[in-house]
Amino acid sequence: MARRKNHPEDADPASPSFEEALAGLEAVVEAMENERLPLEELVACYEKGSTLLDRCEAILQAARGRIELITLRNHNECQGESADFSPPSGPPDAPDDDDDIRLF
């Protein structure tokens, strides 16, 4: 059975997915904006939000890197195909004979 490649976002199984981290970050921001929290709770919310933001950024950076690799691989495959393909030098029905002199 094929093993799944390890990605930075898969490093810790307890780490939230991007969607979970983003939802948590939105909840923290909403709580900080709309609730009258004591200073200690505000600092704790800020710390939690900072951690969630770092998680989101790490996942996005990993995804960006994967997309760049896929794009580069696809570009290289297209370049390889065009380099391997050499169209015939004459009309499709003409024999390929380099000694012939053609006027038209």
C-alpha atoms as a PDB file:
ATOM      1  CA  MET A   1       0.000   0.000   0.000  1.00  0.00           C
ATOM      2  CA  ALA A   2       1.333   3.463  -0.900  1.00  0.00           C
ATOM      3  CA  ARG A   3       2.282   5.668   2.011  1.00  0.00           C
ATOM      4  CA  ARG A   4       1.082   9.226   2.130  1.00  0.00           C
ATOM      5  CA  LYS A   5       3.837  11.810   1.870  1.00  0.00           C
ATOM      6  CA  ASN A   6       4.517  13.828   4.987  1.00  0.00           C
ATOM      7  CA  HIS A   7       3.668  17.484   4.719  1.00  0.00           C
ATOM      8  CA  PRO A   8       4.325  20.190   7.314  1.00  0.00           C
ATOM      9  CA  GLU A   9       0.598  20.474   7.967  1.00  0.00           C
ATOM     10  CA  ASP A  10       0.544  16.745   8.853  1.00  0.00           C
ATOM     11  CA  ALA A  11       3.393  16.944  11.370  1.00  0.00           C
ATOM     12  CA  ASP A  12       1.227  16.812  14.500  1.00  0.00           C
ATOM     13  CA  PRO A  13      -2.017  14.850  14.347  1.00  0.00           C
ATOM     14  CA  ALA A  14      -3.364  16.972  17.237  1.00  0.00           C
ATOM     15  CA  SER A  15      -2.876  20.149  15.185  1.00  0.00           C
ATOM     16  CA  PRO A  16      -6.060  21.597  13.718  1.00  0.00           C
ATOM     17  CA  SER A  17      -6.771  21.559  10.011  1.00  0.00           C
ATOM     18  CA  PHE A  18      -6.735  24.863   8.158  1.00  0.00           C
ATOM     19  CA  GLU A  19     -10.498  25.170   8.405  1.00  0.00           C
ATOM     20  CA  GLU A  20     -10.482  24.388  12.128  1.00  0.00           C
ATOM     21  CA  ALA A  21      -7.669  26.855  12.803  1.00  0.00           C
ATOM     22  CA  LEU A  22      -9.372  29.575  10.775  1.00  0.00           C
ATOM     23  CA  ALA A  23     -12.696  29.036  12.569  1.00  0.00           C
ATOM     24  CA  GLY A  24     -10.886  29.167  15.915  1.00  0.00           C
ATOM     25  CA  LEU A  25      -9.095  32.341  14.906  1.00  0.00           C
ATOM     26  CA  GLU A  26     -12.367  33.953  13.856  1.00  0.00           C
ATOM     27  CA  ALA A  27     -13.925  32.981  17.214  1.00  0.00           C
ATOM     28  CA  VAL A  28     -10.982  34.480  19.113  1.00  0.00           C
ATOM     29  CA  VAL A  29     -11.171  37.732  17.148  1.00  0.00           C
ATOM     30  CA  GLU A  30     -14.933  37.956  17.676  1.00  0.00           C
ATOM     31  CA  ALA A  31     -14.559  37.336  21.422  1.00  0.00           C
ATOM     32  CA  MET A  32     -11.850  39.965  21.706  1.00  0.00           C
ATOM     33  CA  GLU A  33     -13.880  42.520  19.768  1.00  0.00           C
ATOM     34  CA  ASN A  34     -17.334  41.941  21.265  1.00  0.00           C
ATOM     35  CA  GLU A  35     -16.802  40.797  24.839  1.00  0.00           C
ATOM     36  CA  ARG A  36     -15.527  42.779  27.753  1.00  0.00           C
ATOM     37  CA  LEU A  37     -12.766  40.442  28.848  1.00  0.00           C
ATOM     38  CA  PRO A  38     -10.328  40.992  31.696  1.00  0.00           C
ATOM     39  CA  LEU A  39      -6.754  41.740  30.665  1.00  0.00           C
ATOM     40  CA  GLU A  40      -5.477  38.224  31.439  1.00  0.00           C
ATOM     41  CA  GLU A  41      -8.158  36.664  29.229  1.00  0.00           C
ATOM     42  CA  LEU A  42      -7.402  39.149  26.442  1.00  0.00           C
ATOM     43  CA  VAL A  43      -3.736  38.213  26.578  1.00  0.00           C
ATOM     44  CA  ALA A  44      -4.612  34.493  26.570  1.00  0.00           C
ATOM     45  CA  CYS A  45      -6.941  35.044  23.577  1.00  0.00           C
ATOM     46  CA  TYR A  46      -4.212  36.977  21.785  1.00  0.00           C
ATOM     47  CA  GLU A  47      -1.741  34.162  22.402  1.00  0.00           C
ATOM     48  CA  LYS A  48      -4.203  31.535  21.174  1.00  0.00           C
ATOM     49  CA  GLY A  49      -5.006  33.654  18.108  1.00  0.00           C
ATOM     50  CA  SER A  50      -1.324  34.080  17.350  1.00  0.00           C
ATOM     51  CA  THR A  51      -0.807  30.317  17.503  1.00  0.00           C
ATOM     52  CA  LEU A  52      -3.803  29.692  15.237  1.00  0.00           C
ATOM     53  CA  LEU A  53      -2.598  32.347  12.790  1.00  0.00           C
ATOM     54  CA  ASP A  54       0.843  30.710  12.644  1.00  0.00           C
ATOM     55  CA  ARG A  55      -0.845  27.358  11.938  1.00  0.00           C
ATOM     56  CA  CYS A  56      -2.930  28.848   9.101  1.00  0.00           C
ATOM     57  CA  GLU A  57       0.120  30.529   7.581  1.00  0.00           C
ATOM     58  CA  ALA A  58       2.166  27.310   7.755  1.00  0.00           C
ATOM     59  CA  ILE A  59      -0.570  25.331   6.023  1.00  0.00           C
ATOM     60  CA  LEU A  60      -0.972  28.010   3.342  1.00  0.00           C
ATOM     61  CA  GLN A  61       2.790  28.145   2.762  1.00  0.00           C
ATOM     62  CA  ALA A  62       2.939  24.351   2.404  1.00  0.00           C
ATOM     63  CA  ALA A  63       0.018  24.411  -0.038  1.00  0.00           C
ATOM     64  CA  ARG A  64       1.656  27.213  -2.022  1.00  0.00           C
ATOM     65  CA  GLY A  65       4.873  25.198  -2.257  1.00  0.00           C
ATOM     66  CA  ARG A  66       2.999  22.105  -3.426  1.00  0.00           C
ATOM     67  CA  ILE A  67       1.149  24.120  -6.079  1.00  0.00           C
ATOM     68  CA  GLU A  68       4.428  25.611  -7.305  1.00  0.00           C
ATOM     69  CA  LEU A  69       5.934  22.118  -7.591  1.00  0.00           C
ATOM     70  CA  ILE A  70       2.914  20.833  -9.504  1.00  0.00           C
ATOM     71  CA  THR A  71       3.018  23.836 -11.830  1.00  0.00           C
ATOM     72  CA  LEU A  72       6.755  23.415 -12.416  1.00  0.00           C
ATOM     73  CA  ARG A  73       6.367  19.687 -13.055  1.00  0.00           C
ATOM     74  CA  ASN A  74       3.530  20.293 -15.516  1.00  0.00           C
ATOM     75  CA  HIS A  75       5.553  23.004 -17.249  1.00  0.00           C
ATOM     76  CA  ASN A  76       8.559  20.695 -17.528  1.00  0.00           C
ATOM     77  CA  GLU A  77       6.394  17.884 -18.893  1.00  0.00           C
ATOM     78  CA  CYS A  78       4.974  20.228 -21.534  1.00  0.00           C
ATOM     79  CA  GLN A  79       8.483  21.401 -22.446  1.00  0.00           C
ATOM     80  CA  GLY A  80       9.620  17.779 -22.702  1.00  0.00           C
ATOM     81  CA  GLU A  81       6.764  16.898 -25.024  1.00  0.00           C
ATOM     82  CA  SER A  82       7.474  19.828 -27.332  1.00  0.00           C
ATOM     83  CA  ALA A  83      11.203  19.022 -27.343  1.00  0.00           C
ATOM     84  CA  ASP A  84      10.524  15.380 -28.236  1.00  0.00           C
ATOM     85  CA  PHE A  85       8.085  16.257 -30.982  1.00  0.00           C
ATOM     86  CA  SER A  86       9.702  17.293 -34.253  1.00  0.00           C
ATOM     87  CA  PRO A  87       7.214  17.816 -37.071  1.00  0.00           C
ATOM     88  CA  PRO A  88       8.105  16.567 -40.553  1.00  0.00           C
ATOM     89  CA  SER A  89      10.003  19.089 -42.653  1.00  0.00           C
ATOM     90  CA  GLY A  90       7.801  18.831 -45.729  1.00  0.00           C
ATOM     91  CA  PRO A  91       4.150  18.332 -46.561  1.00  0.00           C
ATOM     92  CA  PRO A  92       2.662  15.282 -44.855  1.00  0.00           C
ATOM     93  CA  ASP A  93       2.392  13.267 -48.071  1.00  0.00           C
ATOM     94  CA  ALA A  94       5.883  14.137 -49.392  1.00  0.00           C
ATOM     95  CA  PRO A  95       8.609  11.505 -49.018  1.00  0.00           C
ATOM     96  CA  ASP A  96      11.351  12.408 -46.572  1.00  0.00           C
ATOM     97  CA  ASP A  97      14.310  12.561 -48.913  1.00  0.00           C
ATOM     98  CA  ASP A  98      17.034  15.125 -48.171  1.00  0.00           C
ATOM     99  CA  ASP A  99      18.559  14.793 -51.649  1.00  0.00           C
ATOM    100  CA  ASP A 100      15.468  16.159 -53.441  1.00  0.00           C
ATOM    101  CA  ILE A 101      15.413  19.774 -54.549  1.00  0.00           C
ATOM    102  CA  ARG A 102      12.003  21.356 -54.111  1.00  0.00           C
ATOM    103  CA  LEU A 103      10.926  24.628 -55.694  1.00  0.00           C
ATOM    104  CA  PHE A 104       7.556  24.862 -53.998  1.00  0.00           C
END
